[in-house]
N, C-alpha and C. Protein backbone atom coordinates (compact mmCIF):
# COMPACT_ATOMS: atom_id res chain seq x y z
N UNK A 1 -32.63 23.02 -21.83
CA UNK A 1 -33.60 23.79 -21.07
C UNK A 1 -34.27 22.85 -20.06
N UNK A 2 -34.21 23.17 -18.79
CA UNK A 2 -34.82 22.29 -17.78
C UNK A 2 -36.34 22.34 -17.82
N UNK A 3 -36.98 21.30 -17.26
CA UNK A 3 -38.44 21.34 -17.21
C UNK A 3 -38.89 22.51 -16.35
N UNK A 4 -40.00 23.14 -16.73
CA UNK A 4 -40.51 24.24 -15.91
C UNK A 4 -40.85 23.75 -14.50
N UNK A 5 -40.58 24.58 -13.54
CA UNK A 5 -40.91 24.25 -12.15
C UNK A 5 -42.38 24.59 -11.91
N UNK A 6 -43.19 23.59 -11.95
CA UNK A 6 -44.62 23.75 -11.68
C UNK A 6 -44.91 23.11 -10.33
N UNK A 7 -45.12 21.81 -10.32
CA UNK A 7 -45.37 21.09 -9.07
C UNK A 7 -44.16 21.21 -8.13
N UNK A 8 -42.96 21.17 -8.69
CA UNK A 8 -41.75 21.23 -7.88
C UNK A 8 -41.52 22.60 -7.26
N UNK A 9 -42.17 23.63 -7.79
CA UNK A 9 -42.00 24.98 -7.24
C UNK A 9 -42.43 25.04 -5.77
N UNK A 10 -43.39 24.21 -5.40
CA UNK A 10 -43.87 24.23 -4.01
C UNK A 10 -42.81 23.72 -3.04
N UNK A 11 -41.76 23.11 -3.56
CA UNK A 11 -40.66 22.61 -2.72
C UNK A 11 -39.46 23.55 -2.74
N UNK A 12 -39.64 24.74 -3.31
CA UNK A 12 -38.57 25.75 -3.38
C UNK A 12 -37.31 25.19 -4.06
N UNK A 13 -37.51 24.49 -5.17
CA UNK A 13 -36.40 23.89 -5.90
C UNK A 13 -35.94 24.79 -7.02
N UNK A 14 -34.74 24.53 -7.45
CA UNK A 14 -34.19 25.18 -8.63
C UNK A 14 -33.28 24.18 -9.32
N UNK A 15 -33.03 24.40 -10.60
CA UNK A 15 -32.12 23.57 -11.38
C UNK A 15 -30.96 24.43 -11.85
N UNK A 16 -29.81 23.79 -11.96
CA UNK A 16 -28.66 24.44 -12.59
C UNK A 16 -27.89 23.37 -13.34
N UNK A 17 -27.15 23.77 -14.36
CA UNK A 17 -26.37 22.78 -15.10
C UNK A 17 -25.35 22.10 -14.19
N UNK A 18 -25.16 20.82 -14.42
CA UNK A 18 -24.15 20.04 -13.71
C UNK A 18 -22.81 20.29 -14.38
N UNK A 19 -21.81 20.63 -13.60
CA UNK A 19 -20.48 20.88 -14.14
C UNK A 19 -19.45 19.95 -13.52
N UNK A 20 -18.24 20.05 -14.00
CA UNK A 20 -17.15 19.21 -13.50
C UNK A 20 -16.97 19.37 -11.99
N UNK A 21 -17.26 20.56 -11.48
CA UNK A 21 -17.10 20.82 -10.04
C UNK A 21 -18.13 20.05 -9.20
N UNK A 22 -19.13 19.45 -9.85
CA UNK A 22 -20.17 18.69 -9.15
C UNK A 22 -19.85 17.20 -9.05
N UNK A 23 -18.72 16.77 -9.60
CA UNK A 23 -18.43 15.34 -9.65
C UNK A 23 -18.44 14.69 -8.27
N UNK A 24 -17.81 15.32 -7.29
CA UNK A 24 -17.78 14.73 -5.94
C UNK A 24 -19.18 14.62 -5.36
N UNK A 25 -20.02 15.64 -5.61
CA UNK A 25 -21.40 15.57 -5.12
C UNK A 25 -22.16 14.43 -5.78
N UNK A 26 -22.07 14.30 -7.11
CA UNK A 26 -22.85 13.24 -7.76
C UNK A 26 -22.31 11.86 -7.40
N UNK A 27 -21.01 11.78 -7.10
CA UNK A 27 -20.47 10.50 -6.66
C UNK A 27 -21.02 10.14 -5.27
N UNK A 28 -21.03 11.09 -4.37
CA UNK A 28 -21.59 10.84 -3.03
C UNK A 28 -23.09 10.54 -3.13
N UNK A 29 -23.77 11.22 -4.03
CA UNK A 29 -25.20 10.97 -4.23
C UNK A 29 -25.42 9.55 -4.73
N UNK A 30 -24.64 9.13 -5.71
CA UNK A 30 -24.75 7.77 -6.22
C UNK A 30 -24.52 6.76 -5.09
N UNK A 31 -23.46 6.96 -4.32
CA UNK A 31 -23.15 6.05 -3.23
C UNK A 31 -24.32 5.98 -2.26
N UNK A 32 -24.97 7.11 -1.98
CA UNK A 32 -26.10 7.11 -1.04
C UNK A 32 -27.28 6.30 -1.56
N UNK A 33 -27.39 6.19 -2.88
CA UNK A 33 -28.51 5.42 -3.45
C UNK A 33 -28.25 3.92 -3.40
N UNK A 34 -27.02 3.51 -3.16
CA UNK A 34 -26.66 2.09 -3.16
C UNK A 34 -26.35 1.55 -1.76
N UNK A 35 -26.29 2.43 -0.78
CA UNK A 35 -25.90 2.03 0.57
C UNK A 35 -26.75 0.90 1.13
N UNK A 36 -28.06 1.00 1.00
CA UNK A 36 -28.95 0.00 1.61
C UNK A 36 -28.70 -1.39 1.04
N UNK A 37 -28.54 -1.49 -0.27
CA UNK A 37 -28.34 -2.82 -0.86
C UNK A 37 -27.00 -3.43 -0.47
N UNK A 38 -25.98 -2.59 -0.25
CA UNK A 38 -24.68 -3.13 0.13
C UNK A 38 -24.54 -3.32 1.64
N UNK A 39 -25.49 -2.80 2.41
CA UNK A 39 -25.44 -2.98 3.85
C UNK A 39 -25.46 -4.45 4.23
N UNK A 40 -26.10 -5.26 3.39
CA UNK A 40 -26.21 -6.69 3.67
C UNK A 40 -24.99 -7.49 3.22
N UNK A 41 -24.05 -6.83 2.56
CA UNK A 41 -22.90 -7.54 1.99
C UNK A 41 -21.92 -8.04 3.04
N UNK A 42 -21.88 -7.34 4.17
CA UNK A 42 -20.90 -7.70 5.18
C UNK A 42 -19.50 -7.19 4.87
N UNK A 43 -19.35 -6.45 3.79
CA UNK A 43 -18.05 -5.91 3.42
C UNK A 43 -17.64 -4.81 4.40
N UNK A 44 -16.36 -4.67 4.62
CA UNK A 44 -15.88 -3.52 5.41
C UNK A 44 -16.23 -2.22 4.68
N UNK A 45 -16.38 -1.15 5.44
CA UNK A 45 -16.79 0.15 4.89
C UNK A 45 -15.87 0.60 3.75
N UNK A 46 -14.58 0.46 3.93
CA UNK A 46 -13.62 0.89 2.89
C UNK A 46 -13.82 0.11 1.60
N UNK A 47 -14.10 -1.18 1.72
CA UNK A 47 -14.32 -2.00 0.54
C UNK A 47 -15.62 -1.61 -0.17
N UNK A 48 -16.67 -1.35 0.60
CA UNK A 48 -17.94 -0.90 0.01
C UNK A 48 -17.75 0.42 -0.72
N UNK A 49 -17.04 1.36 -0.09
CA UNK A 49 -16.83 2.66 -0.72
C UNK A 49 -16.00 2.54 -1.99
N UNK A 50 -14.99 1.70 -1.98
CA UNK A 50 -14.17 1.50 -3.19
C UNK A 50 -15.01 0.91 -4.31
N UNK A 51 -15.83 -0.08 -3.98
CA UNK A 51 -16.70 -0.70 -4.98
C UNK A 51 -17.69 0.31 -5.54
N UNK A 52 -18.35 1.07 -4.66
CA UNK A 52 -19.35 2.03 -5.11
C UNK A 52 -18.73 3.17 -5.91
N UNK A 53 -17.54 3.58 -5.53
CA UNK A 53 -16.83 4.61 -6.31
C UNK A 53 -16.56 4.10 -7.71
N UNK A 54 -16.09 2.86 -7.81
CA UNK A 54 -15.83 2.26 -9.13
C UNK A 54 -17.13 2.16 -9.93
N UNK A 55 -18.23 1.75 -9.28
CA UNK A 55 -19.52 1.63 -9.95
C UNK A 55 -20.01 2.99 -10.45
N UNK A 56 -19.85 4.02 -9.61
CA UNK A 56 -20.28 5.36 -10.05
C UNK A 56 -19.48 5.82 -11.26
N UNK A 57 -18.21 5.59 -11.24
CA UNK A 57 -17.38 6.03 -12.37
C UNK A 57 -17.74 5.27 -13.65
N UNK A 58 -18.09 4.00 -13.52
CA UNK A 58 -18.55 3.23 -14.69
C UNK A 58 -19.88 3.80 -15.18
N UNK A 59 -20.78 4.12 -14.25
CA UNK A 59 -22.06 4.71 -14.65
C UNK A 59 -21.84 6.06 -15.33
N UNK A 60 -20.99 6.88 -14.75
CA UNK A 60 -20.70 8.21 -15.31
C UNK A 60 -20.17 8.07 -16.74
N UNK A 61 -19.26 7.15 -16.93
CA UNK A 61 -18.71 6.91 -18.27
C UNK A 61 -19.81 6.44 -19.23
N UNK A 62 -20.66 5.53 -18.76
CA UNK A 62 -21.78 5.03 -19.58
C UNK A 62 -22.70 6.18 -20.00
N UNK A 63 -23.06 7.03 -19.05
CA UNK A 63 -23.93 8.16 -19.37
C UNK A 63 -23.28 9.08 -20.40
N UNK A 64 -21.99 9.35 -20.24
CA UNK A 64 -21.29 10.22 -21.18
C UNK A 64 -21.26 9.60 -22.58
N UNK A 65 -21.05 8.29 -22.65
CA UNK A 65 -20.93 7.60 -23.94
C UNK A 65 -22.28 7.39 -24.62
N UNK A 66 -23.31 7.03 -23.85
CA UNK A 66 -24.59 6.65 -24.44
C UNK A 66 -25.62 7.77 -24.46
N UNK A 67 -25.39 8.82 -23.70
CA UNK A 67 -26.32 9.96 -23.68
C UNK A 67 -25.51 11.25 -23.79
N UNK A 68 -24.76 11.41 -24.90
CA UNK A 68 -23.88 12.58 -25.02
C UNK A 68 -24.63 13.90 -25.07
N UNK A 69 -25.88 13.87 -25.49
CA UNK A 69 -26.65 15.11 -25.60
C UNK A 69 -27.59 15.35 -24.43
N UNK A 70 -27.49 14.51 -23.42
CA UNK A 70 -28.39 14.64 -22.27
C UNK A 70 -28.18 15.96 -21.55
N UNK A 71 -29.27 16.47 -21.01
CA UNK A 71 -29.17 17.64 -20.15
C UNK A 71 -28.94 17.13 -18.73
N UNK A 72 -27.85 17.56 -18.14
CA UNK A 72 -27.48 17.13 -16.79
C UNK A 72 -27.69 18.30 -15.85
N UNK A 73 -28.63 18.10 -14.92
CA UNK A 73 -29.00 19.18 -14.00
C UNK A 73 -28.75 18.77 -12.56
N UNK A 74 -28.35 19.73 -11.77
CA UNK A 74 -28.29 19.58 -10.33
C UNK A 74 -29.57 20.20 -9.77
N UNK A 75 -30.22 19.45 -8.90
CA UNK A 75 -31.43 19.95 -8.23
C UNK A 75 -30.97 20.63 -6.95
N UNK A 76 -31.42 21.86 -6.75
CA UNK A 76 -31.03 22.61 -5.55
C UNK A 76 -32.26 23.04 -4.77
N UNK A 77 -32.06 23.13 -3.46
CA UNK A 77 -33.07 23.73 -2.58
C UNK A 77 -32.31 24.68 -1.67
N UNK A 78 -32.77 25.91 -1.64
CA UNK A 78 -32.11 26.96 -0.84
C UNK A 78 -30.63 27.08 -1.19
N UNK A 79 -30.30 26.90 -2.48
CA UNK A 79 -28.93 27.07 -2.95
C UNK A 79 -28.01 25.90 -2.70
N UNK A 80 -28.53 24.83 -2.09
CA UNK A 80 -27.70 23.66 -1.80
C UNK A 80 -28.11 22.50 -2.71
N UNK A 81 -27.14 21.75 -3.24
CA UNK A 81 -27.50 20.62 -4.10
C UNK A 81 -28.17 19.50 -3.29
N UNK A 82 -29.29 19.01 -3.82
CA UNK A 82 -29.99 17.91 -3.14
C UNK A 82 -30.25 16.73 -4.09
N UNK A 83 -29.86 16.86 -5.35
CA UNK A 83 -30.10 15.75 -6.27
C UNK A 83 -29.63 16.07 -7.67
N UNK A 84 -29.97 15.13 -8.55
CA UNK A 84 -29.65 15.32 -9.96
C UNK A 84 -30.81 14.83 -10.82
N UNK A 85 -30.92 15.45 -11.98
CA UNK A 85 -31.92 15.07 -12.98
C UNK A 85 -31.22 15.14 -14.32
N UNK A 86 -31.10 13.98 -14.97
CA UNK A 86 -30.51 13.91 -16.30
C UNK A 86 -31.61 13.48 -17.25
N UNK A 87 -31.81 14.23 -18.32
CA UNK A 87 -32.82 13.88 -19.33
C UNK A 87 -32.20 13.97 -20.71
N UNK A 88 -32.76 13.19 -21.63
CA UNK A 88 -32.31 13.21 -23.01
C UNK A 88 -33.55 13.28 -23.90
N UNK A 89 -33.65 14.29 -24.73
CA UNK A 89 -34.81 14.48 -25.60
C UNK A 89 -34.62 13.71 -26.90
N UNK A 90 -35.55 12.81 -27.16
CA UNK A 90 -35.58 12.02 -28.38
C UNK A 90 -36.82 12.43 -29.16
N UNK A 91 -36.93 12.02 -30.43
CA UNK A 91 -38.07 12.48 -31.24
C UNK A 91 -39.44 12.19 -30.63
N UNK A 92 -39.63 10.99 -30.06
CA UNK A 92 -40.95 10.63 -29.54
C UNK A 92 -41.04 10.62 -28.02
N UNK A 93 -39.90 10.77 -27.37
CA UNK A 93 -39.92 10.66 -25.92
C UNK A 93 -38.83 11.48 -25.26
N UNK A 94 -39.06 11.73 -24.00
CA UNK A 94 -38.06 12.34 -23.14
C UNK A 94 -37.58 11.21 -22.22
N UNK A 95 -36.33 10.84 -22.35
CA UNK A 95 -35.78 9.76 -21.53
C UNK A 95 -35.25 10.37 -20.23
N UNK A 96 -35.71 9.87 -19.12
CA UNK A 96 -35.10 10.22 -17.84
C UNK A 96 -33.92 9.27 -17.69
N UNK A 97 -32.73 9.82 -17.82
CA UNK A 97 -31.52 9.02 -17.71
C UNK A 97 -31.25 8.72 -16.24
N UNK A 98 -31.46 9.72 -15.39
CA UNK A 98 -31.24 9.53 -13.95
C UNK A 98 -31.99 10.61 -13.19
N UNK A 99 -32.59 10.19 -12.11
CA UNK A 99 -33.16 11.12 -11.14
C UNK A 99 -32.87 10.53 -9.77
N UNK A 100 -32.22 11.31 -8.93
CA UNK A 100 -31.92 10.84 -7.58
C UNK A 100 -31.80 12.03 -6.64
N UNK A 101 -32.11 11.75 -5.39
CA UNK A 101 -32.08 12.77 -4.34
C UNK A 101 -31.24 12.29 -3.18
N UNK A 102 -30.66 13.22 -2.44
CA UNK A 102 -29.92 12.87 -1.23
C UNK A 102 -30.91 12.29 -0.22
N UNK A 103 -30.44 11.45 0.70
CA UNK A 103 -31.35 10.82 1.65
C UNK A 103 -32.26 11.78 2.41
N UNK A 104 -31.75 12.94 2.80
CA UNK A 104 -32.56 13.89 3.57
C UNK A 104 -33.71 14.48 2.76
N UNK A 105 -33.64 14.39 1.43
CA UNK A 105 -34.69 14.95 0.57
C UNK A 105 -35.68 13.90 0.09
N UNK A 106 -35.43 12.64 0.42
CA UNK A 106 -36.32 11.57 -0.03
C UNK A 106 -37.56 11.48 0.85
N UNK A 107 -38.64 10.98 0.26
CA UNK A 107 -39.87 10.74 1.01
C UNK A 107 -40.66 11.99 1.35
N UNK A 108 -40.38 13.09 0.67
CA UNK A 108 -41.06 14.36 0.94
C UNK A 108 -41.94 14.82 -0.22
N UNK A 109 -42.04 14.00 -1.26
CA UNK A 109 -42.81 14.37 -2.43
C UNK A 109 -42.04 15.16 -3.46
N UNK A 110 -40.75 15.37 -3.23
CA UNK A 110 -39.94 16.15 -4.16
C UNK A 110 -39.77 15.39 -5.48
N UNK A 111 -39.40 14.12 -5.40
CA UNK A 111 -39.23 13.32 -6.61
C UNK A 111 -40.51 13.25 -7.41
N UNK A 112 -41.64 13.04 -6.74
CA UNK A 112 -42.93 12.99 -7.44
C UNK A 112 -43.22 14.32 -8.13
N UNK A 113 -42.97 15.43 -7.45
CA UNK A 113 -43.22 16.74 -8.05
C UNK A 113 -42.35 16.95 -9.28
N UNK A 114 -41.09 16.57 -9.20
CA UNK A 114 -40.20 16.70 -10.36
C UNK A 114 -40.70 15.83 -11.50
N UNK A 115 -41.08 14.59 -11.20
CA UNK A 115 -41.59 13.69 -12.24
C UNK A 115 -42.86 14.26 -12.88
N UNK A 116 -43.75 14.81 -12.07
CA UNK A 116 -44.97 15.41 -12.64
C UNK A 116 -44.61 16.56 -13.58
N UNK A 117 -43.61 17.34 -13.21
CA UNK A 117 -43.16 18.43 -14.09
C UNK A 117 -42.55 17.89 -15.38
N UNK A 118 -41.76 16.84 -15.28
CA UNK A 118 -41.15 16.24 -16.48
C UNK A 118 -42.24 15.68 -17.39
N UNK A 119 -43.22 15.00 -16.80
CA UNK A 119 -44.33 14.44 -17.59
C UNK A 119 -45.09 15.56 -18.31
N UNK A 120 -45.40 16.63 -17.59
CA UNK A 120 -46.12 17.76 -18.20
C UNK A 120 -45.28 18.42 -19.30
N UNK A 121 -44.01 18.59 -19.04
CA UNK A 121 -43.10 19.20 -20.00
C UNK A 121 -43.00 18.36 -21.27
N UNK A 122 -42.88 17.05 -21.10
CA UNK A 122 -42.84 16.16 -22.27
C UNK A 122 -44.16 16.24 -23.02
N UNK A 123 -45.27 16.25 -22.29
CA UNK A 123 -46.59 16.36 -22.92
C UNK A 123 -46.73 17.65 -23.72
N UNK A 124 -46.18 18.74 -23.21
CA UNK A 124 -46.21 20.02 -23.93
C UNK A 124 -45.50 19.91 -25.28
N UNK A 125 -44.57 18.95 -25.38
CA UNK A 125 -43.79 18.74 -26.61
C UNK A 125 -44.30 17.54 -27.40
N UNK A 126 -45.47 17.00 -27.01
CA UNK A 126 -46.06 15.81 -27.64
C UNK A 126 -45.10 14.62 -27.59
N UNK A 127 -44.42 14.48 -26.46
CA UNK A 127 -43.52 13.36 -26.23
C UNK A 127 -44.00 12.56 -25.04
N UNK A 128 -43.66 11.29 -25.04
CA UNK A 128 -43.85 10.47 -23.87
C UNK A 128 -42.62 10.57 -22.98
N UNK A 129 -42.62 9.79 -21.91
CA UNK A 129 -41.50 9.78 -20.97
C UNK A 129 -41.11 8.32 -20.74
N UNK A 130 -39.81 8.06 -20.67
CA UNK A 130 -39.34 6.71 -20.39
C UNK A 130 -38.19 6.76 -19.40
N UNK A 131 -38.01 5.62 -18.73
CA UNK A 131 -36.93 5.50 -17.74
C UNK A 131 -36.62 4.02 -17.53
N UNK A 132 -35.37 3.71 -17.32
CA UNK A 132 -34.97 2.36 -16.89
C UNK A 132 -34.97 2.36 -15.36
N UNK A 133 -35.63 1.37 -14.78
CA UNK A 133 -35.75 1.29 -13.33
C UNK A 133 -35.32 -0.10 -12.87
N UNK A 134 -34.46 -0.14 -11.87
CA UNK A 134 -34.07 -1.43 -11.32
C UNK A 134 -35.28 -2.08 -10.66
N UNK A 135 -35.38 -3.38 -10.79
CA UNK A 135 -36.56 -4.09 -10.30
C UNK A 135 -36.75 -3.98 -8.79
N UNK A 136 -35.68 -3.80 -8.05
CA UNK A 136 -35.80 -3.70 -6.59
C UNK A 136 -35.96 -2.27 -6.11
N UNK A 137 -35.97 -1.30 -7.01
CA UNK A 137 -36.06 0.11 -6.64
C UNK A 137 -37.47 0.42 -6.11
N UNK A 138 -37.57 0.90 -4.87
CA UNK A 138 -38.89 1.21 -4.32
C UNK A 138 -39.63 2.31 -5.09
N UNK A 139 -38.92 3.11 -5.87
CA UNK A 139 -39.55 4.17 -6.66
C UNK A 139 -40.45 3.60 -7.76
N UNK A 140 -40.34 2.30 -8.06
CA UNK A 140 -41.21 1.68 -9.07
C UNK A 140 -42.68 1.93 -8.75
N UNK A 141 -43.01 1.89 -7.46
CA UNK A 141 -44.42 2.14 -7.06
C UNK A 141 -44.85 3.55 -7.48
N UNK A 142 -43.97 4.52 -7.29
CA UNK A 142 -44.27 5.89 -7.69
C UNK A 142 -44.46 5.98 -9.20
N UNK A 143 -43.57 5.37 -9.96
CA UNK A 143 -43.69 5.41 -11.42
C UNK A 143 -45.02 4.80 -11.87
N UNK A 144 -45.38 3.68 -11.27
CA UNK A 144 -46.67 3.05 -11.63
C UNK A 144 -47.84 3.97 -11.28
N UNK A 145 -47.77 4.57 -10.12
CA UNK A 145 -48.84 5.48 -9.70
C UNK A 145 -48.97 6.67 -10.66
N UNK A 146 -47.86 7.07 -11.26
CA UNK A 146 -47.88 8.19 -12.20
C UNK A 146 -48.21 7.75 -13.63
N UNK A 147 -48.53 6.48 -13.81
CA UNK A 147 -48.98 6.00 -15.11
C UNK A 147 -47.93 5.32 -15.97
N UNK A 148 -46.74 5.10 -15.44
CA UNK A 148 -45.72 4.38 -16.20
C UNK A 148 -46.07 2.90 -16.22
N UNK A 149 -45.77 2.26 -17.34
CA UNK A 149 -45.98 0.82 -17.47
C UNK A 149 -44.67 0.20 -17.95
N UNK A 150 -44.47 -1.06 -17.56
CA UNK A 150 -43.29 -1.79 -18.01
C UNK A 150 -43.52 -2.21 -19.45
N UNK A 151 -42.59 -1.85 -20.32
CA UNK A 151 -42.70 -2.23 -21.74
C UNK A 151 -41.61 -3.21 -22.16
N UNK A 152 -40.59 -3.36 -21.30
CA UNK A 152 -39.53 -4.31 -21.64
C UNK A 152 -38.78 -4.71 -20.38
N UNK A 153 -38.57 -6.02 -20.25
CA UNK A 153 -37.78 -6.56 -19.16
C UNK A 153 -36.34 -6.64 -19.65
N UNK A 154 -35.44 -5.98 -18.95
CA UNK A 154 -34.03 -5.95 -19.36
C UNK A 154 -33.15 -6.60 -18.30
N UNK A 155 -33.67 -7.64 -17.67
CA UNK A 155 -32.89 -8.33 -16.65
C UNK A 155 -33.03 -7.63 -15.31
N UNK A 156 -31.98 -6.95 -14.89
CA UNK A 156 -32.01 -6.22 -13.61
C UNK A 156 -32.92 -5.01 -13.70
N UNK A 157 -33.07 -4.45 -14.90
CA UNK A 157 -33.85 -3.24 -15.13
C UNK A 157 -35.15 -3.56 -15.88
N UNK A 158 -36.09 -2.65 -15.73
CA UNK A 158 -37.28 -2.65 -16.58
C UNK A 158 -37.34 -1.30 -17.28
N UNK A 159 -37.69 -1.31 -18.55
CA UNK A 159 -37.93 -0.07 -19.26
C UNK A 159 -39.39 0.28 -19.01
N UNK A 160 -39.61 1.43 -18.39
CA UNK A 160 -40.96 1.90 -18.11
C UNK A 160 -41.24 3.13 -18.95
N UNK A 161 -42.47 3.22 -19.44
CA UNK A 161 -42.86 4.35 -20.28
C UNK A 161 -44.20 4.89 -19.83
N UNK A 162 -44.39 6.15 -20.15
CA UNK A 162 -45.67 6.80 -19.91
C UNK A 162 -45.96 7.68 -21.11
N UNK A 163 -47.01 7.32 -21.83
CA UNK A 163 -47.43 8.14 -22.96
C UNK A 163 -46.48 8.16 -24.13
N UNK A 164 -45.58 7.22 -24.21
CA UNK A 164 -44.63 7.17 -25.32
C UNK A 164 -45.28 6.48 -26.50
N UNK A 165 -45.43 7.18 -27.62
CA UNK A 165 -46.00 6.53 -28.80
C UNK A 165 -45.11 5.38 -29.26
N UNK A 166 -45.69 4.24 -29.48
CA UNK A 166 -44.94 3.08 -29.97
C UNK A 166 -45.07 3.01 -31.48
N UNK A 167 -43.97 2.70 -32.11
CA UNK A 167 -44.00 2.55 -33.58
C UNK A 167 -44.83 1.33 -33.93
N UNK A 168 -45.56 1.41 -34.99
CA UNK A 168 -46.37 0.27 -35.44
C UNK A 168 -45.46 -0.86 -35.88
N UNK A 169 -45.82 -2.11 -35.54
CA UNK A 169 -44.95 -3.24 -35.93
C UNK A 169 -44.91 -3.45 -37.43
């Protein structure tokens, strides 16, 4: 069941289940999220695309293996896919496995609205929210503004949580 559209409703968004027919879209979406960091590589375009395609397929396999029960949603606006939201419900928290938007949908408050809805939805279930965020990801500022804190350094990633009850040591 997707998070209720509360804050995100103002952006005329909708969610639908992600299916096999969405693979090309999510691959292109993944590639769009990595373009800036590889722009500095100096690699030819074909080499960058081959590398990013391989990386997306490794990520897709990882998500399937490590989050088999995750809800995989395509975010749509006006019937067109503009992003993805993958969540996995755990006893004490709702893990955001992935949230990403196409470049044309970034910087408009859509991601923040979706995150606010996820936070409220998790709160309705007495759960916190967690996400792994790459240290260079500019969205870290948004997560901090929404009350997420770093609870674990995982090298390239940080585990960030908001309102997640921690087990007593």
